[in-house]
Amino acid sequence: MIAVGFDQPGDANVLQPATLAVPTPGPGEVLVKVAFAGVNRPDVVQRKGLYPPPPGASPIPGLEISGTVAVMGEGVDTLAVGDTVCALVSGGGYAEYCLAKAGHCLPVPAGLPLDEAAALPETLFTVWHNVFERGFAREGETLLVHGGTSGIGTMAIMLGRHFGLKVIVTCGSPEKCAKAREIGAAHAIDYKATDFVEEVARITGGKGVDLVLDMVAGSYVARNLKCLAVDGRHVTIAVQGGAKAEINMAVVMSRRYTLTGSTLRPRSDEFKTLLAQEIAETAWPFVESGMLRPVMDARFPLTQAAAAHARMEAGDHVGKIVLEV
């Protein structure tokens, strides 16, 4: 099979196609003939040598795929050869064939194009777990999301809207703010033109938001806490602005804040299976009805993965980038 990976970390051009053996599914796994693979920020960080795959995972980038089940591993009774699925994977997506845990697959409903199916698992699993499970978001609450037109940001807007959240986002241009509002954000703040802390205070009448989904960390954390209402929750899922933050713990105590965070990739297979089951019951019906669709930016041939990474790093994309296999 053709797969795209890299020998040494570096810029986007280190991504090169290579011919590799087709993997064999083990117990509880299926081999998927890949139609599309999603491109995500962790792929870029891995390519730079800053996010190594967990033990046992494929070194090939790619954390989400869509395609058809080609070979069944031992003990799999929930799928059949020929089934069309999308899946969250721990690596190996940038290839013609990819292994997936059967419990991490979701059925692709009729009417959902396979490029869109490949763009769902990583962001849907991440947003669901961090906003609703770790962040305890409830109907009627207000959520602040940075990077409102990213894959995570657009999913947070749409999923929040379906579950009764008022979503405020920050974006880096008036055009992106307009797009975020079009997608469903209640408010979009151009963080380059205005102070998002002041804008959140204005929008919420000084109350603040109930939850912050933070992908920046660093100096943003202290500013995020200024945006939180009493009993607010702060959930960090990436550290694009730096891994360390300085905060006033007296404020955390007096306003009863909860600070948490997570990374999905190294979690156990059992955890991801339970997460997939919960999503299948709660969010997937919106996908099946056509009410939830990913915002798509661009698709590139698999062998042009370097160009796809370059587009993501340029920061001009709105929504998801996928590779066509």
C-alpha atoms as a PDB file:
ATOM      1  CA  MET A   1       0.000   0.000   0.000  1.00  0.00           C
ATOM      2  CA  ILE A   2       0.954   3.658  -0.362  1.00  0.00           C
ATOM      3  CA  ALA A   3       1.310   5.558   2.890  1.00  0.00           C
ATOM      4  CA  VAL A   4       2.601   9.047   3.674  1.00  0.00           C
ATOM      5  CA  GLY A   5       4.970   9.580   6.570  1.00  0.00           C
ATOM      6  CA  PHE A   6       8.362  11.032   7.402  1.00  0.00           C
ATOM      7  CA  ASP A   7      11.812   9.757   8.344  1.00  0.00           C
ATOM      8  CA  GLN A   8      12.932  12.821  10.304  1.00  0.00           C
ATOM      9  CA  PRO A   9      10.837  15.617  11.848  1.00  0.00           C
ATOM     10  CA  GLY A  10      10.712  18.913   9.982  1.00  0.00           C
ATOM     11  CA  ASP A  11       8.593  21.196   7.852  1.00  0.00           C
ATOM     12  CA  ALA A  12       5.708  20.011   5.711  1.00  0.00           C
ATOM     13  CA  ASN A  13       8.022  18.822   2.929  1.00  0.00           C
ATOM     14  CA  VAL A  14       9.333  15.946   5.050  1.00  0.00           C
ATOM     15  CA  LEU A  15       6.029  14.181   4.353  1.00  0.00           C
ATOM     16  CA  GLN A  16       6.675  11.718   1.548  1.00  0.00           C
ATOM     17  CA  PRO A  17       4.797   8.730   0.095  1.00  0.00           C
ATOM     18  CA  ALA A  18       6.269   5.293   0.607  1.00  0.00           C
ATOM     19  CA  THR A  19       5.283   1.713  -0.166  1.00  0.00           C
ATOM     20  CA  LEU A  20       4.578  -0.312   2.968  1.00  0.00           C
ATOM     21  CA  ALA A  21       3.076  -3.690   3.790  1.00  0.00           C
ATOM     22  CA  VAL A  22      -0.665  -3.758   4.405  1.00  0.00           C
ATOM     23  CA  PRO A  23      -1.200  -4.283   8.162  1.00  0.00           C
ATOM     24  CA  THR A  24      -3.061  -7.292   9.541  1.00  0.00           C
ATOM     25  CA  PRO A  25      -5.896  -6.735  12.012  1.00  0.00           C
ATOM     26  CA  GLY A  26      -5.504  -8.246  15.454  1.00  0.00           C
ATOM     27  CA  PRO A  27      -8.246  -9.277  17.868  1.00  0.00           C
ATOM     28  CA  GLY A  28     -10.955  -6.634  18.091  1.00  0.00           C
ATOM     29  CA  GLU A  29      -9.625  -4.765  15.053  1.00  0.00           C
ATOM     30  CA  VAL A  30     -10.709  -4.274  11.452  1.00  0.00           C
ATOM     31  CA  LEU A  31      -8.681  -3.327   8.404  1.00  0.00           C
ATOM     32  CA  VAL A  32     -10.293  -0.372   6.652  1.00  0.00           C
ATOM     33  CA  LYS A  33      -9.745   0.431   2.991  1.00  0.00           C
ATOM     34  CA  VAL A  34      -9.375   4.177   3.426  1.00  0.00           C
ATOM     35  CA  ALA A  35     -11.380   6.594   1.290  1.00  0.00           C
ATOM     36  CA  PHE A  36     -10.436   9.808   3.123  1.00  0.00           C
ATOM     37  CA  ALA A  37      -8.274  10.759   6.077  1.00  0.00           C
ATOM     38  CA  GLY A  38      -8.733  13.877   8.182  1.00  0.00           C
ATOM     39  CA  VAL A  39      -5.841  16.293   8.733  1.00  0.00           C
ATOM     40  CA  ASN A  40      -5.609  17.623  12.283  1.00  0.00           C
ATOM     41  CA  ARG A  41      -3.336  19.901  14.284  1.00  0.00           C
ATOM     42  CA  PRO A  42      -1.845  16.942  16.214  1.00  0.00           C
ATOM     43  CA  ASP A  43      -0.609  15.564  12.864  1.00  0.00           C
ATOM     44  CA  VAL A  44       1.332  18.788  12.334  1.00  0.00           C
ATOM     45  CA  VAL A  45       2.767  18.676  15.848  1.00  0.00           C
ATOM     46  CA  GLN A  46       3.754  15.012  15.351  1.00  0.00           C
ATOM     47  CA  ARG A  47       5.466  15.885  12.062  1.00  0.00           C
ATOM     48  CA  LYS A  48       7.519  18.503  13.910  1.00  0.00           C
ATOM     49  CA  GLY A  49       8.699  15.836  16.348  1.00  0.00           C
ATOM     50  CA  LEU A  50       6.768  17.244  19.318  1.00  0.00           C
ATOM     51  CA  TYR A  51       3.947  14.689  19.650  1.00  0.00           C
ATOM     52  CA  PRO A  52       5.210  11.106  19.357  1.00  0.00           C
ATOM     53  CA  PRO A  53       2.599   8.389  18.837  1.00  0.00           C
ATOM     54  CA  PRO A  54       1.688   6.386  21.951  1.00  0.00           C
ATOM     55  CA  PRO A  55       3.243   2.915  22.421  1.00  0.00           C
ATOM     56  CA  GLY A  56       1.943   0.445  19.867  1.00  0.00           C
ATOM     57  CA  ALA A  57       0.417   3.068  17.567  1.00  0.00           C
ATOM     58  CA  SER A  58       1.397   3.417  13.929  1.00  0.00           C
ATOM     59  CA  PRO A  59       4.097   6.055  13.294  1.00  0.00           C
ATOM     60  CA  ILE A  60       2.161   7.112  10.168  1.00  0.00           C
ATOM     61  CA  PRO A  61       0.162  10.300  10.836  1.00  0.00           C
ATOM     62  CA  GLY A  62      -3.616  10.385  10.642  1.00  0.00           C
ATOM     63  CA  LEU A  63      -6.106  10.164  13.511  1.00  0.00           C
ATOM     64  CA  GLU A  64      -9.415   9.775  11.656  1.00  0.00           C
ATOM     65  CA  ILE A  65     -10.530   7.958   8.536  1.00  0.00           C
ATOM     66  CA  SER A  66     -13.524   6.897   6.486  1.00  0.00           C
ATOM     67  CA  GLY A  67     -13.781   3.884   4.215  1.00  0.00           C
ATOM     68  CA  THR A  68     -14.978   0.305   3.972  1.00  0.00           C
ATOM     69  CA  VAL A  69     -14.166  -2.673   6.165  1.00  0.00           C
ATOM     70  CA  ALA A  70     -11.852  -4.944   4.174  1.00  0.00           C
ATOM     71  CA  VAL A  71     -10.725  -7.589   6.689  1.00  0.00           C
ATOM     72  CA  MET A  72     -12.132  -8.594  10.084  1.00  0.00           C
ATOM     73  CA  GLY A  73      -9.980  -9.345  13.085  1.00  0.00           C
ATOM     74  CA  GLU A  74     -10.705 -12.115  15.557  1.00  0.00           C
ATOM     75  CA  GLY A  75     -13.696 -11.577  17.808  1.00  0.00           C
ATOM     76  CA  VAL A  76     -15.308  -8.719  15.877  1.00  0.00           C
ATOM     77  CA  ASP A  77     -19.064  -9.257  15.701  1.00  0.00           C
ATOM     78  CA  THR A  78     -20.372  -5.704  15.391  1.00  0.00           C
ATOM     79  CA  LEU A  79     -19.154  -5.095  11.824  1.00  0.00           C
ATOM     80  CA  ALA A  80     -18.973  -6.978   8.531  1.00  0.00           C
ATOM     81  CA  VAL A  81     -16.738  -6.858   5.469  1.00  0.00           C
ATOM     82  CA  GLY A  82     -18.045  -4.148   3.161  1.00  0.00           C
ATOM     83  CA  ASP A  83     -19.499  -1.955   5.927  1.00  0.00           C
ATOM     84  CA  THR A  84     -18.900   1.760   5.420  1.00  0.00           C
ATOM     85  CA  VAL A  85     -17.466   3.320   8.562  1.00  0.00           C
ATOM     86  CA  CYS A  86     -15.586   6.264   9.936  1.00  0.00           C
ATOM     87  CA  ALA A  87     -13.203   5.750  12.811  1.00  0.00           C
ATOM     88  CA  LEU A  88     -11.013   7.406  15.382  1.00  0.00           C
ATOM     89  CA  VAL A  89      -7.544   5.839  15.121  1.00  0.00           C
ATOM     90  CA  SER A  90      -4.302   6.300  17.066  1.00  0.00           C
ATOM     91  CA  GLY A  91      -2.282   6.703  13.871  1.00  0.00           C
ATOM     92  CA  GLY A  92      -1.926   5.296  10.384  1.00  0.00           C
ATOM     93  CA  GLY A  93      -4.654   7.270   8.647  1.00  0.00           C
ATOM     94  CA  TYR A  94      -2.456   8.676   5.863  1.00  0.00           C
ATOM     95  CA  ALA A  95      -2.502   5.367   3.985  1.00  0.00           C
ATOM     96  CA  GLU A  96      -4.520   3.222   1.602  1.00  0.00           C
ATOM     97  CA  TYR A  97      -5.326   0.799   4.440  1.00  0.00           C
ATOM     98  CA  CYS A  98      -5.562   1.502   8.156  1.00  0.00           C
ATOM     99  CA  LEU A  99      -6.232  -0.570  11.273  1.00  0.00           C
ATOM    100  CA  ALA A 100      -9.091   0.537  13.521  1.00  0.00           C
ATOM    101  CA  LYS A 101     -10.531  -0.820  16.721  1.00  0.00           C
ATOM    102  CA  ALA A 102     -14.034  -2.079  15.982  1.00  0.00           C
ATOM    103  CA  GLY A 103     -15.308  -0.223  19.031  1.00  0.00           C
ATOM    104  CA  HIS A 104     -13.939   3.071  17.687  1.00  0.00           C
ATOM    105  CA  CYS A 105     -15.882   2.854  14.413  1.00  0.00           C
ATOM    106  CA  LEU A 106     -19.165   4.585  13.686  1.00  0.00           C
ATOM    107  CA  PRO A 107     -21.482   3.680  10.784  1.00  0.00           C
ATOM    108  CA  VAL A 108     -21.584   6.166   7.911  1.00  0.00           C
ATOM    109  CA  PRO A 109     -25.270   6.914   7.305  1.00  0.00           C
ATOM    110  CA  ALA A 110     -26.733   7.145   3.819  1.00  0.00           C
ATOM    111  CA  GLY A 111     -26.364  10.665   2.495  1.00  0.00           C
ATOM    112  CA  LEU A 112     -23.144  11.452   4.370  1.00  0.00           C
ATOM    113  CA  PRO A 113     -20.284  11.849   1.835  1.00  0.00           C
ATOM    114  CA  LEU A 114     -17.142   9.973   2.783  1.00  0.00           C
ATOM    115  CA  ASP A 115     -14.980  13.119   2.835  1.00  0.00           C
ATOM    116  CA  GLU A 116     -17.319  14.582   5.460  1.00  0.00           C
ATOM    117  CA  ALA A 117     -17.415  11.283   7.363  1.00  0.00           C
ATOM    118  CA  ALA A 118     -13.613  11.341   7.668  1.00  0.00           C
ATOM    119  CA  ALA A 119     -13.790  14.874   9.059  1.00  0.00           C
ATOM    120  CA  LEU A 120     -16.005  13.959  12.016  1.00  0.00           C
ATOM    121  CA  PRO A 121     -14.371  11.541  14.500  1.00  0.00           C
ATOM    122  CA  GLU A 122     -11.420  13.509  15.881  1.00  0.00           C
ATOM    123  CA  THR A 123     -13.302  16.753  16.472  1.00  0.00           C
ATOM    124  CA  LEU A 124     -16.559  15.113  17.556  1.00  0.00           C
ATOM    125  CA  PHE A 125     -14.873  12.814  20.086  1.00  0.00           C
ATOM    126  CA  THR A 126     -12.701  15.668  21.379  1.00  0.00           C
ATOM    127  CA  VAL A 127     -15.470  18.247  21.725  1.00  0.00           C
ATOM    128  CA  TRP A 128     -17.979  15.826  23.196  1.00  0.00           C
ATOM    129  CA  HIS A 129     -15.588  14.549  25.855  1.00  0.00           C
ATOM    130  CA  ASN A 130     -14.159  17.920  26.846  1.00  0.00           C
ATOM    131  CA  VAL A 131     -17.232  20.145  26.644  1.00  0.00           C
ATOM    132  CA  PHE A 132     -19.916  17.760  27.892  1.00  0.00           C
ATOM    133  CA  GLU A 133     -18.078  15.133  29.956  1.00  0.00           C
ATOM    134  CA  ARG A 134     -15.155  17.052  31.460  1.00  0.00           C
ATOM    135  CA  GLY A 135     -16.760  20.495  31.223  1.00  0.00           C
ATOM    136  CA  PHE A 136     -20.244  19.400  32.361  1.00  0.00           C
ATOM    137  CA  ALA A 137     -21.911  21.743  29.855  1.00  0.00           C
ATOM    138  CA  ARG A 138     -25.656  22.040  30.351  1.00  0.00           C
ATOM    139  CA  GLU A 139     -28.470  23.469  28.287  1.00  0.00           C
ATOM    140  CA  GLY A 140     -28.726  27.241  28.648  1.00  0.00           C
ATOM    141  CA  GLU A 141     -25.062  27.781  29.493  1.00  0.00           C
ATOM    142  CA  THR A 142     -22.544  29.929  27.626  1.00  0.00           C
ATOM    143  CA  LEU A 143     -19.339  28.501  26.105  1.00  0.00           C
ATOM    144  CA  LEU A 144     -16.261  30.440  24.977  1.00  0.00           C
ATOM    145  CA  VAL A 145     -14.130  28.771  22.283  1.00  0.00           C
ATOM    146  CA  HIS A 146     -10.879  30.097  20.848  1.00  0.00           C
ATOM    147  CA  GLY A 147     -10.135  29.369  17.185  1.00  0.00           C
ATOM    148  CA  GLY A 148     -13.758  29.516  16.151  1.00  0.00           C
ATOM    149  CA  THR A 149     -13.167  28.539  12.514  1.00  0.00           C
ATOM    150  CA  SER A 150     -10.814  25.620  13.223  1.00  0.00           C
ATOM    151  CA  GLY A 151     -12.052  22.062  12.989  1.00  0.00           C
ATOM    152  CA  ILE A 152     -12.531  21.934  16.765  1.00  0.00           C
ATOM    153  CA  GLY A 153     -14.057  25.418  16.835  1.00  0.00           C
ATOM    154  CA  THR A 154     -16.618  24.757  14.115  1.00  0.00           C
ATOM    155  CA  MET A 155     -17.615  21.449  15.733  1.00  0.00           C
ATOM    156  CA  ALA A 156     -17.970  23.144  19.126  1.00  0.00           C
ATOM    157  CA  ILE A 157     -20.250  25.782  17.576  1.00  0.00           C
ATOM    158  CA  MET A 158     -22.500  23.218  15.900  1.00  0.00           C
ATOM    159  CA  LEU A 159     -22.587  20.676  18.707  1.00  0.00           C
ATOM    160  CA  GLY A 160     -23.159  23.420  21.260  1.00  0.00           C
ATOM    161  CA  ARG A 161     -26.056  24.791  19.255  1.00  0.00           C
ATOM    162  CA  HIS A 162     -27.707  21.355  19.035  1.00  0.00           C
ATOM    163  CA  PHE A 163     -27.468  20.912  22.795  1.00  0.00           C
ATOM    164  CA  GLY A 164     -28.717  24.327  23.820  1.00  0.00           C
ATOM    165  CA  LEU A 165     -25.460  26.194  24.476  1.00  0.00           C
ATOM    166  CA  LYS A 166     -24.800  29.808  23.580  1.00  0.00           C
ATOM    167  CA  VAL A 167     -21.376  29.747  21.910  1.00  0.00           C
ATOM    168  CA  ILE A 168     -19.008  32.730  21.805  1.00  0.00           C
ATOM    169  CA  VAL A 169     -15.867  32.323  19.694  1.00  0.00           C
ATOM    170  CA  THR A 170     -12.704  34.249  18.965  1.00  0.00           C
ATOM    171  CA  CYS A 171     -11.297  34.487  15.437  1.00  0.00           C
ATOM    172  CA  GLY A 172      -8.391  36.288  13.779  1.00  0.00           C
ATOM    173  CA  SER A 173     -10.203  38.363  11.147  1.00  0.00           C
ATOM    174  CA  PRO A 174     -13.574  39.982  10.402  1.00  0.00           C
ATOM    175  CA  GLU A 175     -14.069  37.439   7.603  1.00  0.00           C
ATOM    176  CA  LYS A 176     -13.557  34.503   9.952  1.00  0.00           C
ATOM    177  CA  CYS A 177     -15.857  36.101  12.520  1.00  0.00           C
ATOM    178  CA  ALA A 178     -18.564  36.404   9.873  1.00  0.00           C
ATOM    179  CA  LYS A 179     -18.075  32.752   8.913  1.00  0.00           C
ATOM    180  CA  ALA A 180     -18.297  31.654  12.552  1.00  0.00           C
ATOM    181  CA  ARG A 181     -21.586  33.487  12.988  1.00  0.00           C
ATOM    182  CA  GLU A 182     -22.832  31.905   9.770  1.00  0.00           C
ATOM    183  CA  ILE A 183     -21.986  28.464  11.177  1.00  0.00           C
ATOM    184  CA  GLY A 184     -23.999  29.237  14.305  1.00  0.00           C
ATOM    185  CA  ALA A 185     -21.897  31.139  16.839  1.00  0.00           C
ATOM    186  CA  ALA A 186     -23.969  33.570  18.889  1.00  0.00           C
ATOM    187  CA  HIS A 187     -21.048  36.017  18.940  1.00  0.00           C
ATOM    188  CA  ALA A 188     -17.629  36.118  17.245  1.00  0.00           C
ATOM    189  CA  ILE A 189     -14.840  38.322  18.575  1.00  0.00           C
ATOM    190  CA  ASP A 190     -11.946  39.498  16.397  1.00  0.00           C
ATOM    191  CA  TYR A 191      -9.167  39.051  18.941  1.00  0.00           C
ATOM    192  CA  LYS A 192      -6.746  41.096  16.824  1.00  0.00           C
ATOM    193  CA  ALA A 193      -9.022  44.133  16.893  1.00  0.00           C
ATOM    194  CA  THR A 194     -10.522  43.973  20.395  1.00  0.00           C
ATOM    195  CA  ASP A 195      -9.733  42.582  23.863  1.00  0.00           C
ATOM    196  CA  PHE A 196     -11.739  39.368  24.092  1.00  0.00           C
ATOM    197  CA  VAL A 197     -11.918  39.669  27.899  1.00  0.00           C
ATOM    198  CA  GLU A 198     -13.665  43.023  27.627  1.00  0.00           C
ATOM    199  CA  GLU A 199     -15.921  41.793  24.840  1.00  0.00           C
ATOM    200  CA  VAL A 200     -17.009  38.721  26.816  1.00  0.00           C
ATOM    201  CA  ALA A 201     -17.859  40.967  29.766  1.00  0.00           C
ATOM    202  CA  ARG A 202     -19.892  43.214  27.483  1.00  0.00           C
ATOM    203  CA  ILE A 203     -21.709  40.350  25.759  1.00  0.00           C
ATOM    204  CA  THR A 204     -22.598  38.597  29.032  1.00  0.00           C
ATOM    205  CA  GLY A 205     -23.478  41.764  30.936  1.00  0.00           C
ATOM    206  CA  GLY A 206     -20.543  41.235  33.260  1.00  0.00           C
ATOM    207  CA  LYS A 207     -21.609  37.712  34.300  1.00  0.00           C
ATOM    208  CA  GLY A 208     -19.011  35.815  32.282  1.00  0.00           C
ATOM    209  CA  VAL A 209     -19.213  32.449  30.544  1.00  0.00           C
ATOM    210  CA  ASP A 210     -19.847  29.103  32.195  1.00  0.00           C
ATOM    211  CA  LEU A 211     -17.178  27.215  30.274  1.00  0.00           C
ATOM    212  CA  VAL A 212     -14.019  27.925  28.274  1.00  0.00           C
ATOM    213  CA  LEU A 213     -12.683  25.409  25.737  1.00  0.00           C
ATOM    214  CA  ASP A 214      -9.036  26.426  25.539  1.00  0.00           C
ATOM    215  CA  MET A 215      -6.638  25.419  22.753  1.00  0.00           C
ATOM    216  CA  VAL A 216      -4.085  28.160  23.430  1.00  0.00           C
ATOM    217  CA  ALA A 217      -3.018  27.859  27.102  1.00  0.00           C
ATOM    218  CA  GLY A 218       0.047  29.975  27.996  1.00  0.00           C
ATOM    219  CA  SER A 219      -0.817  33.591  28.707  1.00  0.00           C
ATOM    220  CA  TYR A 220      -4.419  33.006  27.625  1.00  0.00           C
ATOM    221  CA  VAL A 221      -5.249  31.018  30.763  1.00  0.00           C
ATOM    222  CA  ALA A 222      -5.236  34.017  33.119  1.00  0.00           C
ATOM    223  CA  ARG A 223      -7.303  35.976  30.586  1.00  0.00           C
ATOM    224  CA  ASN A 224      -9.702  33.066  30.178  1.00  0.00           C
ATOM    225  CA  LEU A 225     -10.283  32.963  33.929  1.00  0.00           C
ATOM    226  CA  LYS A 226     -11.299  36.630  33.796  1.00  0.00           C
ATOM    227  CA  CYS A 227     -14.011  35.557  31.334  1.00  0.00           C
ATOM    228  CA  LEU A 228     -15.450  32.882  33.614  1.00  0.00           C
ATOM    229  CA  ALA A 229     -18.583  33.247  35.700  1.00  0.00           C
ATOM    230  CA  VAL A 230     -18.633  32.029  39.299  1.00  0.00           C
ATOM    231  CA  ASP A 231     -18.383  28.210  39.355  1.00  0.00           C
ATOM    232  CA  GLY A 232     -16.994  28.336  35.786  1.00  0.00           C
ATOM    233  CA  ARG A 233     -15.035  25.490  34.187  1.00  0.00           C
ATOM    234  CA  HIS A 234     -11.844  25.821  32.133  1.00  0.00           C
ATOM    235  CA  VAL A 235     -10.913  22.892  29.869  1.00  0.00           C
ATOM    236  CA  THR A 236      -7.562  22.868  28.033  1.00  0.00           C
ATOM    237  CA  ILE A 237      -7.107  20.603  25.015  1.00  0.00           C
ATOM    238  CA  ALA A 238      -3.958  22.077  23.388  1.00  0.00           C
ATOM    239  CA  VAL A 239      -1.041  24.320  24.305  1.00  0.00           C
ATOM    240  CA  GLN A 240      -0.452  26.261  21.094  1.00  0.00           C
ATOM    241  CA  GLY A 241       0.443  29.382  23.110  1.00  0.00           C
ATOM    242  CA  GLY A 242       2.761  27.634  25.559  1.00  0.00           C
ATOM    243  CA  ALA A 243       2.554  24.867  28.138  1.00  0.00           C
ATOM    244  CA  LYS A 244       2.946  27.049  31.244  1.00  0.00           C
ATOM    245  CA  ALA A 245       0.587  29.625  32.724  1.00  0.00           C
ATOM    246  CA  GLU A 246       0.665  31.899  35.752  1.00  0.00           C
ATOM    247  CA  ILE A 247      -2.667  32.258  37.526  1.00  0.00           C
ATOM    248  CA  ASN A 248      -4.015  33.687  40.771  1.00  0.00           C
ATOM    249  CA  MET A 249      -5.117  30.698  42.833  1.00  0.00           C
ATOM    250  CA  ALA A 250      -6.935  32.946  45.305  1.00  0.00           C
ATOM    251  CA  VAL A 251      -9.281  33.892  42.453  1.00  0.00           C
ATOM    252  CA  VAL A 252      -9.714  30.216  41.586  1.00  0.00           C
ATOM    253  CA  MET A 253     -10.736  29.533  45.186  1.00  0.00           C
ATOM    254  CA  SER A 254     -12.967  32.539  45.706  1.00  0.00           C
ATOM    255  CA  ARG A 255     -14.854  32.048  42.430  1.00  0.00           C
ATOM    256  CA  ARG A 256     -14.881  28.233  42.735  1.00  0.00           C
ATOM    257  CA  TYR A 257     -13.356  27.577  39.327  1.00  0.00           C
ATOM    258  CA  THR A 258     -12.636  24.120  37.961  1.00  0.00           C
ATOM    259  CA  LEU A 259      -9.515  23.731  35.819  1.00  0.00           C
ATOM    260  CA  THR A 260      -9.098  20.543  33.818  1.00  0.00           C
ATOM    261  CA  GLY A 261      -7.870  19.273  30.462  1.00  0.00           C
ATOM    262  CA  SER A 262      -7.187  16.151  28.469  1.00  0.00           C
ATOM    263  CA  THR A 263      -5.507  14.582  25.482  1.00  0.00           C
ATOM    264  CA  LEU A 264      -7.500  11.927  23.646  1.00  0.00           C
ATOM    265  CA  ARG A 265      -4.886   9.979  21.717  1.00  0.00           C
ATOM    266  CA  PRO A 266      -3.159   8.185  24.635  1.00  0.00           C
ATOM    267  CA  ARG A 267      -6.408   7.186  26.369  1.00  0.00           C
ATOM    268  CA  SER A 268      -7.169   3.477  26.634  1.00  0.00           C
ATOM    269  CA  ASP A 269      -9.033   1.565  23.958  1.00  0.00           C
ATOM    270  CA  GLU A 270     -11.735   0.820  26.525  1.00  0.00           C
ATOM    271  CA  PHE A 271     -12.248   4.516  27.248  1.00  0.00           C
ATOM    272  CA  LYS A 272     -12.508   5.383  23.554  1.00  0.00           C
ATOM    273  CA  THR A 273     -15.003   2.553  23.016  1.00  0.00           C
ATOM    274  CA  LEU A 274     -17.227   3.894  25.804  1.00  0.00           C
ATOM    275  CA  LEU A 275     -16.889   7.398  24.364  1.00  0.00           C
ATOM    276  CA  ALA A 276     -17.875   6.121  20.915  1.00  0.00           C
ATOM    277  CA  GLN A 277     -20.919   4.400  22.407  1.00  0.00           C
ATOM    278  CA  GLU A 278     -22.030   7.588  24.162  1.00  0.00           C
ATOM    279  CA  ILE A 279     -21.580   9.631  20.977  1.00  0.00           C
ATOM    280  CA  ALA A 280     -23.534   7.015  19.013  1.00  0.00           C
ATOM    281  CA  GLU A 281     -26.435   7.458  21.425  1.00  0.00           C
ATOM    282  CA  THR A 282     -26.357  11.237  21.874  1.00  0.00           C
ATOM    283  CA  ALA A 283     -24.726  13.089  18.958  1.00  0.00           C
ATOM    284  CA  TRP A 284     -24.754  10.593  16.076  1.00  0.00           C
ATOM    285  CA  PRO A 285     -28.526  10.873  15.572  1.00  0.00           C
ATOM    286  CA  PHE A 286     -27.902  14.485  14.491  1.00  0.00           C
ATOM    287  CA  VAL A 287     -25.435  13.146  11.889  1.00  0.00           C
ATOM    288  CA  GLU A 288     -27.916  10.503  10.731  1.00  0.00           C
ATOM    289  CA  SER A 289     -30.659  13.115  10.297  1.00  0.00           C
ATOM    290  CA  GLY A 290     -28.362  15.441   8.353  1.00  0.00           C
ATOM    291  CA  MET A 291     -28.534  18.162  11.021  1.00  0.00           C
ATOM    292  CA  LEU A 292     -24.836  17.844  11.932  1.00  0.00           C
ATOM    293  CA  ARG A 293     -22.248  18.070   9.182  1.00  0.00           C
ATOM    294  CA  PRO A 294     -18.605  19.126   9.422  1.00  0.00           C
ATOM    295  CA  VAL A 295     -17.541  22.427   7.908  1.00  0.00           C
ATOM    296  CA  MET A 296     -15.251  21.471   5.027  1.00  0.00           C
ATOM    297  CA  ASP A 297     -12.309  23.567   3.863  1.00  0.00           C
ATOM    298  CA  ALA A 298     -10.235  21.641   1.313  1.00  0.00           C
ATOM    299  CA  ARG A 299      -9.332  18.172   0.078  1.00  0.00           C
ATOM    300  CA  PHE A 300      -5.942  17.102  -1.231  1.00  0.00           C
ATOM    301  CA  PRO A 301      -4.748  13.837  -2.793  1.00  0.00           C
ATOM    302  CA  LEU A 302      -2.982  11.597  -0.268  1.00  0.00           C
ATOM    303  CA  THR A 303       0.364  12.152  -1.989  1.00  0.00           C
ATOM    304  CA  GLN A 304      -0.047  15.925  -1.467  1.00  0.00           C
ATOM    305  CA  ALA A 305      -0.228  15.668   2.324  1.00  0.00           C
ATOM    306  CA  ALA A 306       2.596  18.223   2.525  1.00  0.00           C
ATOM    307  CA  ALA A 307       0.392  20.807   0.802  1.00  0.00           C
ATOM    308  CA  ALA A 308      -2.447  19.993   3.191  1.00  0.00           C
ATOM    309  CA  HIS A 309      -0.161  20.581   6.185  1.00  0.00           C
ATOM    310  CA  ALA A 310       1.082  23.823   4.673  1.00  0.00           C
ATOM    311  CA  ARG A 311      -2.507  25.039   4.342  1.00  0.00           C
ATOM    312  CA  MET A 312      -3.264  24.193   7.956  1.00  0.00           C
ATOM    313  CA  GLU A 313      -0.130  25.942   9.206  1.00  0.00           C
ATOM    314  CA  ALA A 314      -0.894  29.047   7.150  1.00  0.00           C
ATOM    315  CA  GLY A 315      -4.016  29.479   9.264  1.00  0.00           C
ATOM    316  CA  ASP A 316      -6.320  30.513   6.435  1.00  0.00           C
ATOM    317  CA  HIS A 317      -8.523  27.434   6.501  1.00  0.00           C
ATOM    318  CA  VAL A 318     -12.102  27.397   7.766  1.00  0.00           C
ATOM    319  CA  GLY A 319     -13.172  23.971   8.958  1.00  0.00           C
ATOM    320  CA  LYS A 320     -11.676  20.638   8.027  1.00  0.00           C
ATOM    321  CA  ILE A 321      -8.936  19.588   5.626  1.00  0.00           C
ATOM    322  CA  VAL A 322      -8.979  16.002   4.345  1.00  0.00           C
ATOM    323  CA  LEU A 323      -6.785  13.747   2.211  1.00  0.00           C
ATOM    324  CA  GLU A 324      -8.406  11.770  -0.587  1.00  0.00           C
ATOM    325  CA  VAL A 325      -7.122   8.226  -0.862  1.00  0.00           C
END
